[in-house]
Amino acid sequence: MSYIKTVVPMKDYRLLMEMKGGSTVIVDISCKLHAMKYAELADEEFFKTATTDGDYVIWGGGRLRLTVNELMEVVLLG
């Protein structure tokens, strides 16, 4: 089952996700750019390539994929 309806990269390394249930979430990735898992996202042009297949947020045509759960951890744990 897919959860993400749309994803929009925003300025300052924020990501707007519209969920299938109608809610929206803004994920601020900027606090995670120092971590190896998120380091590629520090490249602003790469960050702007964000898309979704409904289950993952995908950057660079599949080079980096993060699940909804991984992104929600960023929201909840900062």
N, C-alpha and C. Protein backbone atom coordinates (compact mmCIF):
# COMPACT_ATOMS: atom_id res chain seq x y z
N MET A 1 0.84 -1.18 0.00
CA MET A 1 0.00 0.00 0.00
C MET A 1 0.89 1.25 0.00
N SER A 2 0.59 2.18 -0.87
CA SER A 2 1.37 3.41 -0.93
C SER A 2 0.79 4.45 0.02
N TYR A 3 1.67 5.27 0.56
CA TYR A 3 1.28 6.26 1.56
C TYR A 3 1.45 7.70 1.09
N ILE A 4 2.43 7.93 0.23
CA ILE A 4 2.76 9.29 -0.19
C ILE A 4 2.08 9.60 -1.51
N LYS A 5 1.33 10.68 -1.53
CA LYS A 5 0.64 11.10 -2.76
C LYS A 5 1.57 11.97 -3.61
N THR A 6 2.14 13.01 -3.00
CA THR A 6 3.07 13.89 -3.71
C THR A 6 4.19 14.31 -2.78
N VAL A 7 5.28 14.73 -3.38
CA VAL A 7 6.40 15.26 -2.62
C VAL A 7 6.92 16.49 -3.36
N VAL A 8 7.18 17.56 -2.60
CA VAL A 8 7.66 18.81 -3.19
C VAL A 8 8.89 19.27 -2.41
N PRO A 9 10.06 19.32 -3.07
CA PRO A 9 11.23 19.87 -2.40
C PRO A 9 11.07 21.38 -2.25
N MET A 10 11.40 21.89 -1.06
CA MET A 10 11.26 23.31 -0.77
C MET A 10 12.64 23.88 -0.41
N LYS A 11 12.71 25.20 -0.24
CA LYS A 11 13.99 25.81 0.11
C LYS A 11 14.40 25.40 1.52
N ASP A 12 15.68 25.59 1.81
CA ASP A 12 16.25 25.28 3.12
C ASP A 12 16.14 23.81 3.48
N TYR A 13 16.20 22.95 2.47
CA TYR A 13 16.21 21.49 2.67
C TYR A 13 14.98 20.98 3.41
N ARG A 14 13.84 21.56 3.07
CA ARG A 14 12.57 21.06 3.61
C ARG A 14 11.84 20.33 2.49
N LEU A 15 11.08 19.34 2.90
CA LEU A 15 10.35 18.51 1.96
C LEU A 15 8.89 18.49 2.38
N LEU A 16 8.01 18.87 1.47
CA LEU A 16 6.57 18.83 1.72
C LEU A 16 6.03 17.52 1.17
N MET A 17 5.44 16.72 2.04
CA MET A 17 4.84 15.46 1.61
C MET A 17 3.34 15.52 1.84
N GLU A 18 2.58 15.23 0.79
CA GLU A 18 1.14 15.09 0.93
C GLU A 18 0.85 13.60 0.98
N MET A 19 0.18 13.18 2.04
CA MET A 19 -0.08 11.77 2.24
C MET A 19 -1.41 11.37 1.61
N LYS A 20 -1.56 10.09 1.30
CA LYS A 20 -2.79 9.58 0.67
C LYS A 20 -4.01 9.85 1.54
N GLY A 21 -3.85 9.88 2.87
CA GLY A 21 -4.97 10.12 3.77
C GLY A 21 -5.41 11.57 3.84
N GLY A 22 -4.67 12.47 3.14
CA GLY A 22 -5.05 13.87 3.11
C GLY A 22 -4.20 14.79 3.97
N SER A 23 -3.41 14.24 4.87
CA SER A 23 -2.57 15.09 5.71
C SER A 23 -1.30 15.50 4.96
N THR A 24 -0.67 16.57 5.43
CA THR A 24 0.59 17.01 4.87
C THR A 24 1.63 17.06 5.98
N VAL A 25 2.87 16.81 5.59
CA VAL A 25 3.98 16.80 6.54
C VAL A 25 5.12 17.58 5.90
N ILE A 26 5.76 18.44 6.68
CA ILE A 26 6.97 19.11 6.23
C ILE A 26 8.13 18.52 7.01
N VAL A 27 9.09 17.97 6.27
CA VAL A 27 10.27 17.35 6.87
C VAL A 27 11.45 18.28 6.64
N ASP A 28 12.10 18.70 7.72
CA ASP A 28 13.29 19.55 7.64
C ASP A 28 14.51 18.64 7.69
N ILE A 29 15.12 18.43 6.54
CA ILE A 29 16.27 17.54 6.42
C ILE A 29 17.57 18.24 6.83
N SER A 30 17.56 19.56 6.94
CA SER A 30 18.79 20.32 7.15
C SER A 30 19.58 19.86 8.39
N CYS A 31 18.89 19.41 9.41
CA CYS A 31 19.57 18.99 10.63
C CYS A 31 20.23 17.62 10.48
N LYS A 32 19.98 16.92 9.38
CA LYS A 32 20.53 15.58 9.17
C LYS A 32 21.61 15.52 8.09
N LEU A 33 21.92 16.64 7.46
CA LEU A 33 22.84 16.62 6.33
C LEU A 33 24.25 16.19 6.70
N HIS A 34 24.60 16.26 7.98
CA HIS A 34 25.92 15.83 8.42
C HIS A 34 26.03 14.31 8.53
N ALA A 35 24.89 13.62 8.61
CA ALA A 35 24.88 12.16 8.72
C ALA A 35 25.12 11.54 7.35
N MET A 36 25.90 10.47 7.31
CA MET A 36 26.26 9.84 6.04
C MET A 36 25.03 9.46 5.21
N LYS A 37 24.01 8.97 5.85
CA LYS A 37 22.80 8.54 5.15
C LYS A 37 22.16 9.68 4.34
N TYR A 38 22.27 10.91 4.83
CA TYR A 38 21.61 12.07 4.21
C TYR A 38 22.59 13.01 3.51
N ALA A 39 23.88 12.70 3.54
CA ALA A 39 24.92 13.62 3.06
C ALA A 39 24.72 14.06 1.61
N GLU A 40 24.30 13.16 0.74
CA GLU A 40 24.09 13.52 -0.67
C GLU A 40 23.06 14.63 -0.84
N LEU A 41 22.14 14.73 0.11
CA LEU A 41 21.07 15.73 0.01
C LEU A 41 21.59 17.15 0.25
N ALA A 42 22.82 17.29 0.72
CA ALA A 42 23.40 18.62 0.92
C ALA A 42 23.60 19.34 -0.42
N ASP A 43 23.69 18.59 -1.50
CA ASP A 43 23.76 19.17 -2.84
C ASP A 43 22.34 19.62 -3.19
N GLU A 44 22.15 20.92 -3.23
CA GLU A 44 20.81 21.48 -3.42
C GLU A 44 20.15 21.01 -4.72
N GLU A 45 20.91 20.90 -5.78
CA GLU A 45 20.33 20.44 -7.05
C GLU A 45 19.89 18.98 -6.94
N PHE A 46 20.66 18.17 -6.24
CA PHE A 46 20.27 16.77 -6.02
C PHE A 46 19.02 16.71 -5.16
N PHE A 47 18.96 17.54 -4.11
CA PHE A 47 17.79 17.57 -3.23
C PHE A 47 16.52 17.88 -4.01
N LYS A 48 16.62 18.76 -4.98
CA LYS A 48 15.46 19.18 -5.77
C LYS A 48 14.93 18.09 -6.70
N THR A 49 15.65 16.98 -6.85
CA THR A 49 15.19 15.90 -7.72
C THR A 49 14.18 14.98 -7.03
N ALA A 50 13.76 15.32 -5.81
CA ALA A 50 12.86 14.46 -5.04
C ALA A 50 11.56 14.15 -5.78
N THR A 51 11.24 12.86 -5.81
CA THR A 51 9.97 12.37 -6.35
C THR A 51 9.49 11.26 -5.43
N THR A 52 8.36 10.67 -5.74
CA THR A 52 7.87 9.54 -4.95
C THR A 52 7.26 8.49 -5.85
N ASP A 53 7.32 7.26 -5.37
CA ASP A 53 6.60 6.17 -6.02
C ASP A 53 5.42 5.73 -5.16
N GLY A 54 5.16 6.52 -4.11
CA GLY A 54 4.07 6.23 -3.20
C GLY A 54 4.54 5.59 -1.90
N ASP A 55 5.62 4.83 -1.97
CA ASP A 55 6.17 4.17 -0.79
C ASP A 55 7.47 4.83 -0.33
N TYR A 56 8.23 5.36 -1.26
CA TYR A 56 9.53 5.96 -0.97
C TYR A 56 9.57 7.38 -1.51
N VAL A 57 10.44 8.21 -0.89
CA VAL A 57 10.86 9.45 -1.52
C VAL A 57 12.18 9.10 -2.18
N ILE A 58 12.30 9.45 -3.45
CA ILE A 58 13.42 9.01 -4.28
C ILE A 58 14.14 10.23 -4.84
N TRP A 59 15.47 10.21 -4.75
CA TRP A 59 16.30 11.27 -5.31
C TRP A 59 17.24 10.67 -6.35
N GLY A 60 17.55 11.49 -7.35
CA GLY A 60 18.53 11.08 -8.35
C GLY A 60 18.14 9.85 -9.13
N GLY A 61 16.85 9.72 -9.43
CA GLY A 61 16.39 8.59 -10.22
C GLY A 61 16.57 7.24 -9.55
N GLY A 62 16.63 7.23 -8.23
CA GLY A 62 16.75 5.98 -7.49
C GLY A 62 18.06 5.82 -6.74
N ARG A 63 18.95 6.79 -6.89
CA ARG A 63 20.25 6.70 -6.20
C ARG A 63 20.09 6.74 -4.69
N LEU A 64 19.10 7.49 -4.19
CA LEU A 64 18.80 7.54 -2.76
C LEU A 64 17.30 7.37 -2.59
N ARG A 65 16.92 6.45 -1.69
CA ARG A 65 15.51 6.17 -1.42
C ARG A 65 15.31 6.14 0.08
N LEU A 66 14.31 6.87 0.56
CA LEU A 66 13.97 6.87 1.98
C LEU A 66 12.49 6.54 2.15
N THR A 67 12.19 5.73 3.14
CA THR A 67 10.80 5.35 3.41
C THR A 67 10.10 6.45 4.20
N VAL A 68 8.79 6.35 4.25
CA VAL A 68 7.99 7.26 5.07
C VAL A 68 8.46 7.18 6.52
N ASN A 69 8.69 5.98 7.02
CA ASN A 69 9.12 5.81 8.41
C ASN A 69 10.45 6.51 8.68
N GLU A 70 11.40 6.39 7.76
CA GLU A 70 12.69 7.06 7.93
C GLU A 70 12.52 8.58 7.99
N LEU A 71 11.66 9.10 7.13
CA LEU A 71 11.43 10.55 7.11
C LEU A 71 10.64 11.01 8.33
N MET A 72 9.72 10.21 8.79
CA MET A 72 8.97 10.58 10.00
C MET A 72 9.87 10.58 11.23
N GLU A 73 10.89 9.74 11.26
CA GLU A 73 11.86 9.78 12.35
C GLU A 73 12.55 11.13 12.40
N VAL A 74 12.84 11.70 11.23
CA VAL A 74 13.46 13.04 11.18
C VAL A 74 12.51 14.06 11.80
N VAL A 75 11.22 13.94 11.49
CA VAL A 75 10.23 14.87 12.04
C VAL A 75 10.13 14.72 13.55
N LEU A 76 10.07 13.50 14.02
CA LEU A 76 9.84 13.26 15.44
C LEU A 76 11.08 13.40 16.30
N LEU A 77 12.24 13.00 15.78
CA LEU A 77 13.46 13.02 16.58
C LEU A 77 14.36 14.19 16.27
N GLY A 78 14.13 14.83 15.12
CA GLY A 78 14.92 16.00 14.75
C GLY A 78 16.34 15.75 14.48
